[in-house]
C-alpha atoms as a PDB file:
ATOM      1  CA  MET A   1      11.167  17.575  18.407  1.00  0.00           C
ATOM      2  CA  ILE A   2       8.427  16.162  16.195  1.00  0.00           C
ATOM      3  CA  SER A   3       6.528  13.161  17.517  1.00  0.00           C
ATOM      4  CA  VAL A   4       6.575   9.842  15.693  1.00  0.00           C
ATOM      5  CA  ALA A   5       2.796  10.015  15.256  1.00  0.00           C
ATOM      6  CA  ARG A   6       2.927  13.462  13.646  1.00  0.00           C
ATOM      7  CA  LEU A   7       5.758  12.431  11.366  1.00  0.00           C
ATOM      8  CA  ALA A   8       3.958   9.235  10.313  1.00  0.00           C
ATOM      9  CA  ILE A   9       0.760  11.174   9.649  1.00  0.00           C
ATOM     10  CA  PHE A  10       2.623  13.767   7.594  1.00  0.00           C
ATOM     11  CA  VAL A  11       4.533  11.173   5.553  1.00  0.00           C
ATOM     12  CA  GLY A  12       1.427   9.037   5.122  1.00  0.00           C
ATOM     13  CA  MET A  13      -0.664  11.954   3.867  1.00  0.00           C
ATOM     14  CA  ALA A  14       2.150  13.090   1.575  1.00  0.00           C
ATOM     15  CA  GLY A  15       2.275   9.535   0.229  1.00  0.00           C
ATOM     16  CA  LEU A  16      -1.298   9.912  -0.988  1.00  0.00           C
ATOM     17  CA  ILE A  17      -0.431  12.866  -3.232  1.00  0.00           C
ATOM     18  CA  PRO A  18       0.935  10.788  -6.161  1.00  0.00           C
ATOM     19  CA  PHE A  19      -2.109   8.486  -6.045  1.00  0.00           C
ATOM     20  CA  ILE A  20      -4.527  11.404  -6.149  1.00  0.00           C
ATOM     21  CA  ALA A  21      -2.448  13.340  -8.699  1.00  0.00           C
ATOM     22  CA  CYS A  22      -2.433  10.368 -11.085  1.00  0.00           C
ATOM     23  CA  VAL A  23      -6.187   9.983 -10.834  1.00  0.00           C
ATOM     24  CA  ILE A  24      -6.672  13.676 -11.564  1.00  0.00           C
ATOM     25  CA  ALA A  25      -4.161  13.531 -14.434  1.00  0.00           C
ATOM     26  CA  LEU A  26      -5.958  10.578 -16.028  1.00  0.00           C
ATOM     27  CA  PHE A  27      -9.152  12.600 -16.216  1.00  0.00           C
ATOM     28  CA  ALA A  28      -7.485  15.920 -17.072  1.00  0.00           C
ATOM     29  CA  MET A  29      -4.987  14.605 -19.632  1.00  0.00           C
ATOM     30  CA  PRO A  30      -6.329  11.374 -21.115  1.00  0.00           C
ATOM     31  CA  GLN A  31      -3.857  11.702 -23.993  1.00  0.00           C
ATOM     32  CA  HIS A  32      -1.120  10.802 -21.472  1.00  0.00           C
ATOM     33  CA  SER A  33      -2.989   7.834 -20.045  1.00  0.00           C
ATOM     34  CA  VAL A  34      -0.332   5.247 -20.916  1.00  0.00           C
ATOM     35  CA  ALA A  35       2.327   7.146 -18.976  1.00  0.00           C
ATOM     36  CA  MET A  36      -0.042   7.954 -16.121  1.00  0.00           C
ATOM     37  CA  LEU A  37      -1.120   4.310 -15.749  1.00  0.00           C
ATOM     38  CA  ALA A  38       2.495   3.155 -15.800  1.00  0.00           C
ATOM     39  CA  TYR A  39       3.437   5.700 -13.135  1.00  0.00           C
ATOM     40  CA  PHE A  40       0.343   4.921 -11.059  1.00  0.00           C
ATOM     41  CA  TYR A  41       1.115   1.205 -10.902  1.00  0.00           C
ATOM     42  CA  LEU A  42       4.833   1.745 -10.407  1.00  0.00           C
ATOM     43  CA  TYR A  43       3.986   3.971  -7.463  1.00  0.00           C
ATOM     44  CA  SER A  44       1.444   1.427  -6.200  1.00  0.00           C
ATOM     45  CA  ALA A  45       4.137  -1.263  -6.288  1.00  0.00           C
ATOM     46  CA  GLY A  46       6.598   1.022  -4.522  1.00  0.00           C
ATOM     47  CA  ILE A  47       4.188   1.811  -1.700  1.00  0.00           C
ATOM     48  CA  LEU A  48       3.221  -1.835  -1.304  1.00  0.00           C
ATOM     49  CA  ALA A  49       6.911  -2.817  -1.124  1.00  0.00           C
ATOM     50  CA  PHE A  50       7.643   0.033   1.294  1.00  0.00           C
ATOM     51  CA  MET A  51       4.818  -1.008   3.589  1.00  0.00           C
ATOM     52  CA  ALA A  52       5.996  -4.629   3.444  1.00  0.00           C
ATOM     53  CA  GLY A  53       9.344  -3.435   4.751  1.00  0.00           C
ATOM     54  CA  VAL A  54       7.685  -2.271   7.967  1.00  0.00           C
ATOM     55  CA  TYR A  55       7.514  -5.902   9.106  1.00  0.00           C
ATOM     56  CA  TRP A  56      11.303  -6.416   9.045  1.00  0.00           C
ATOM     57  CA  PRO A  57      12.100  -4.270  12.097  1.00  0.00           C
ATOM     58  CA  ILE A  58       9.343  -6.041  14.004  1.00  0.00           C
ATOM     59  CA  ALA A  59      10.899  -9.414  13.210  1.00  0.00           C
ATOM     60  CA  MET A  60      14.317  -8.224  14.363  1.00  0.00           C
ATOM     61  CA  GLN A  61      12.982  -6.975  17.717  1.00  0.00           C
ATOM     62  CA  LEU A  62      11.223 -10.179  18.707  1.00  0.00           C
ATOM     63  CA  ASP A  63      14.106 -12.003  20.346  1.00  0.00           C
ATOM     64  CA  ASN A  64      12.118 -12.537  23.529  1.00  0.00           C
ATOM     65  CA  ARG A  65       9.266 -14.152  21.532  1.00  0.00           C
ATOM     66  CA  CYS A  66       6.606 -12.436  23.641  1.00  0.00           C
ATOM     67  CA  TYR A  67       4.398 -11.629  20.658  1.00  0.00           C
ATOM     68  CA  PRO A  68       1.922 -13.974  18.994  1.00  0.00           C
ATOM     69  CA  LEU A  69       3.739 -14.104  15.644  1.00  0.00           C
ATOM     70  CA  SER A  70       7.237 -15.471  15.284  1.00  0.00           C
ATOM     71  CA  PRO A  71       9.992 -13.466  13.592  1.00  0.00           C
ATOM     72  CA  LEU A  72       9.865 -15.985  10.752  1.00  0.00           C
ATOM     73  CA  VAL A  73       6.182 -15.252  10.122  1.00  0.00           C
ATOM     74  CA  THR A  74       6.682 -11.484  10.134  1.00  0.00           C
ATOM     75  CA  MET A  75       9.634 -11.782   7.741  1.00  0.00           C
ATOM     76  CA  LEU A  76       7.641 -14.082   5.462  1.00  0.00           C
ATOM     77  CA  LEU A  77       4.739 -11.636   5.453  1.00  0.00           C
ATOM     78  CA  SER A  78       7.162  -8.924   4.472  1.00  0.00           C
ATOM     79  CA  GLN A  79       8.508 -10.989   1.603  1.00  0.00           C
ATOM     80  CA  VAL A  80       5.074 -12.028   0.352  1.00  0.00           C
ATOM     81  CA  PHE A  81       3.960  -8.415   0.025  1.00  0.00           C
ATOM     82  CA  PHE A  82       7.319  -7.296  -1.394  1.00  0.00           C
ATOM     83  CA  ILE A  83       7.315  -9.992  -4.087  1.00  0.00           C
ATOM     84  CA  ALA A  84       3.638  -9.353  -4.807  1.00  0.00           C
ATOM     85  CA  ALA A  85       4.440  -5.685  -5.431  1.00  0.00           C
ATOM     86  CA  GLY A  86       6.952  -6.617  -8.113  1.00  0.00           C
ATOM     87  CA  VAL A  87       4.866  -9.378  -9.670  1.00  0.00           C
ATOM     88  CA  GLY A  88       1.964  -6.956  -9.991  1.00  0.00           C
ATOM     89  CA  LEU A  89       4.045  -4.830 -12.344  1.00  0.00           C
ATOM     90  CA  LEU A  90       4.214  -7.744 -14.785  1.00  0.00           C
ATOM     91  CA  LEU A  91       0.436  -7.961 -15.118  1.00  0.00           C
ATOM     92  CA  SER A  92      -1.799  -6.344 -17.708  1.00  0.00           C
ATOM     93  CA  THR A  93      -3.593  -3.157 -16.688  1.00  0.00           C
ATOM     94  CA  PRO A  94      -6.960  -4.860 -16.053  1.00  0.00           C
ATOM     95  CA  ALA A  95      -5.214  -7.412 -13.839  1.00  0.00           C
ATOM     96  CA  GLN A  96      -3.233  -4.681 -12.049  1.00  0.00           C
ATOM     97  CA  ILE A  97      -6.455  -2.887 -11.194  1.00  0.00           C
ATOM     98  CA  VAL A  98      -7.765  -5.931  -9.359  1.00  0.00           C
ATOM     99  CA  PHE A  99      -4.379  -7.050  -8.032  1.00  0.00           C
ATOM    100  CA  TYR A 100      -3.280  -3.807  -6.366  1.00  0.00           C
ATOM    101  CA  THR A 101      -6.746  -3.116  -4.977  1.00  0.00           C
ATOM    102  CA  LEU A 102      -6.747  -6.530  -3.306  1.00  0.00           C
ATOM    103  CA  ALA A 103      -3.097  -6.237  -2.254  1.00  0.00           C
ATOM    104  CA  PHE A 104      -3.669  -2.955  -0.400  1.00  0.00           C
ATOM    105  CA  LEU A 105      -6.739  -4.410   1.286  1.00  0.00           C
ATOM    106  CA  ALA A 106      -4.795  -7.563   2.228  1.00  0.00           C
ATOM    107  CA  LEU A 107      -1.956  -5.468   3.646  1.00  0.00           C
ATOM    108  CA  TYR A 108      -4.349  -3.521   5.837  1.00  0.00           C
ATOM    109  CA  MET A 109      -6.152  -6.688   6.927  1.00  0.00           C
ATOM    110  CA  THR A 110      -2.793  -8.195   7.873  1.00  0.00           C
ATOM    111  CA  ASP A 111      -2.029  -5.139  10.004  1.00  0.00           C
ATOM    112  CA  ALA A 112      -5.488  -4.992  11.558  1.00  0.00           C
ATOM    113  CA  LEU A 113      -5.932  -8.700  12.238  1.00  0.00           C
ATOM    114  CA  TRP A 114      -2.544 -10.392  12.617  1.00  0.00           C
ATOM    115  CA  MET A 115      -0.243  -7.497  13.466  1.00  0.00           C
ATOM    116  CA  ARG A 116      -2.642  -5.434  15.606  1.00  0.00           C
ATOM    117  CA  VAL A 117      -0.718  -6.120  18.811  1.00  0.00           C
ATOM    118  CA  TYR A 118       2.412  -4.474  17.363  1.00  0.00           C
ATOM    119  CA  TRP A 119       0.810  -1.142  16.424  1.00  0.00           C
ATOM    120  CA  PRO A 120      -0.480   1.767  18.478  1.00  0.00           C
ATOM    121  CA  VAL A 121      -4.163   2.585  17.943  1.00  0.00           C
ATOM    122  CA  TRP A 122      -3.391   5.852  16.147  1.00  0.00           C
ATOM    123  CA  TYR A 123      -1.292   3.956  13.581  1.00  0.00           C
ATOM    124  CA  LEU A 124      -4.100   1.542  12.743  1.00  0.00           C
ATOM    125  CA  ARG A 125      -6.499   4.466  12.304  1.00  0.00           C
ATOM    126  CA  LEU A 126      -3.997   6.180  10.034  1.00  0.00           C
ATOM    127  CA  ARG A 127      -3.439   2.960   8.056  1.00  0.00           C
ATOM    128  CA  LEU A 128      -7.190   2.530   7.612  1.00  0.00           C
ATOM    129  CA  PHE A 129      -7.557   6.049   6.224  1.00  0.00           C
ATOM    130  CA  LEU A 130      -4.525   5.740   3.947  1.00  0.00           C
ATOM    131  CA  THR A 131      -5.687   2.336   2.710  1.00  0.00           C
ATOM    132  CA  LEU A 132      -9.193   3.595   1.980  1.00  0.00           C
ATOM    133  CA  VAL A 133      -7.843   6.504  -0.064  1.00  0.00           C
ATOM    134  CA  ALA A 134      -5.354   4.277  -1.932  1.00  0.00           C
ATOM    135  CA  VAL A 135      -8.078   1.708  -2.664  1.00  0.00           C
ATOM    136  CA  ALA A 136     -10.491   4.457  -3.751  1.00  0.00           C
ATOM    137  CA  CYS A 137      -7.809   5.667  -6.184  1.00  0.00           C
ATOM    138  CA  GLN A 138      -7.276   2.100  -7.440  1.00  0.00           C
ATOM    139  CA  LEU A 139     -11.005   1.677  -8.010  1.00  0.00           C
ATOM    140  CA  THR A 140     -11.328   5.087  -9.674  1.00  0.00           C
ATOM    141  CA  VAL A 141      -8.517   4.209 -12.074  1.00  0.00           C
ATOM    142  CA  GLY A 142     -10.275   0.904 -12.720  1.00  0.00           C
ATOM    143  CA  VAL A 143     -13.582   2.591 -13.520  1.00  0.00           C
ATOM    144  CA  TRP A 144     -11.780   5.119 -15.738  1.00  0.00           C
ATOM    145  CA  PHE A 145      -9.923   2.349 -17.572  1.00  0.00           C
ATOM    146  CA  PHE A 146     -12.970   0.181 -18.181  1.00  0.00           C
ATOM    147  CA  LEU A 147     -15.106   3.132 -19.341  1.00  0.00           C
ATOM    148  CA  LEU A 148     -12.527   4.201 -21.911  1.00  0.00           C
ATOM    149  CA  HIS A 149     -11.287   0.791 -23.086  1.00  0.00           C
END
């Protein structure tokens, strides 16, 4: 049987592939930049929404109220990030660059500061690595976009 940690690490690392592939494709095939940017930000929104969904099971397991955040707060956090993911898709590319970079940082900060008590240490380390790579991809796309536009 595979451990939860190994599975999360595998899925998390696999989740970085589309980010990295889009960055490479932007440099390798600039003629397809419109499609690549659209895919990159659609994927960014999807990952942000997916990660927001992690807070729902926490909210549903807090009947004994022994944690510092109420189920209402964890559900609201989930909804804020979920709605933000969709709203980000409505923005212009320059705004998306800033928006998704800040959103991924805010999601990690939420996990590391407010939700820390809910996560095992290995998960927070994994989240930090995944966030740094996702943010590096966001910033690389931003630099690419501003250099060519």
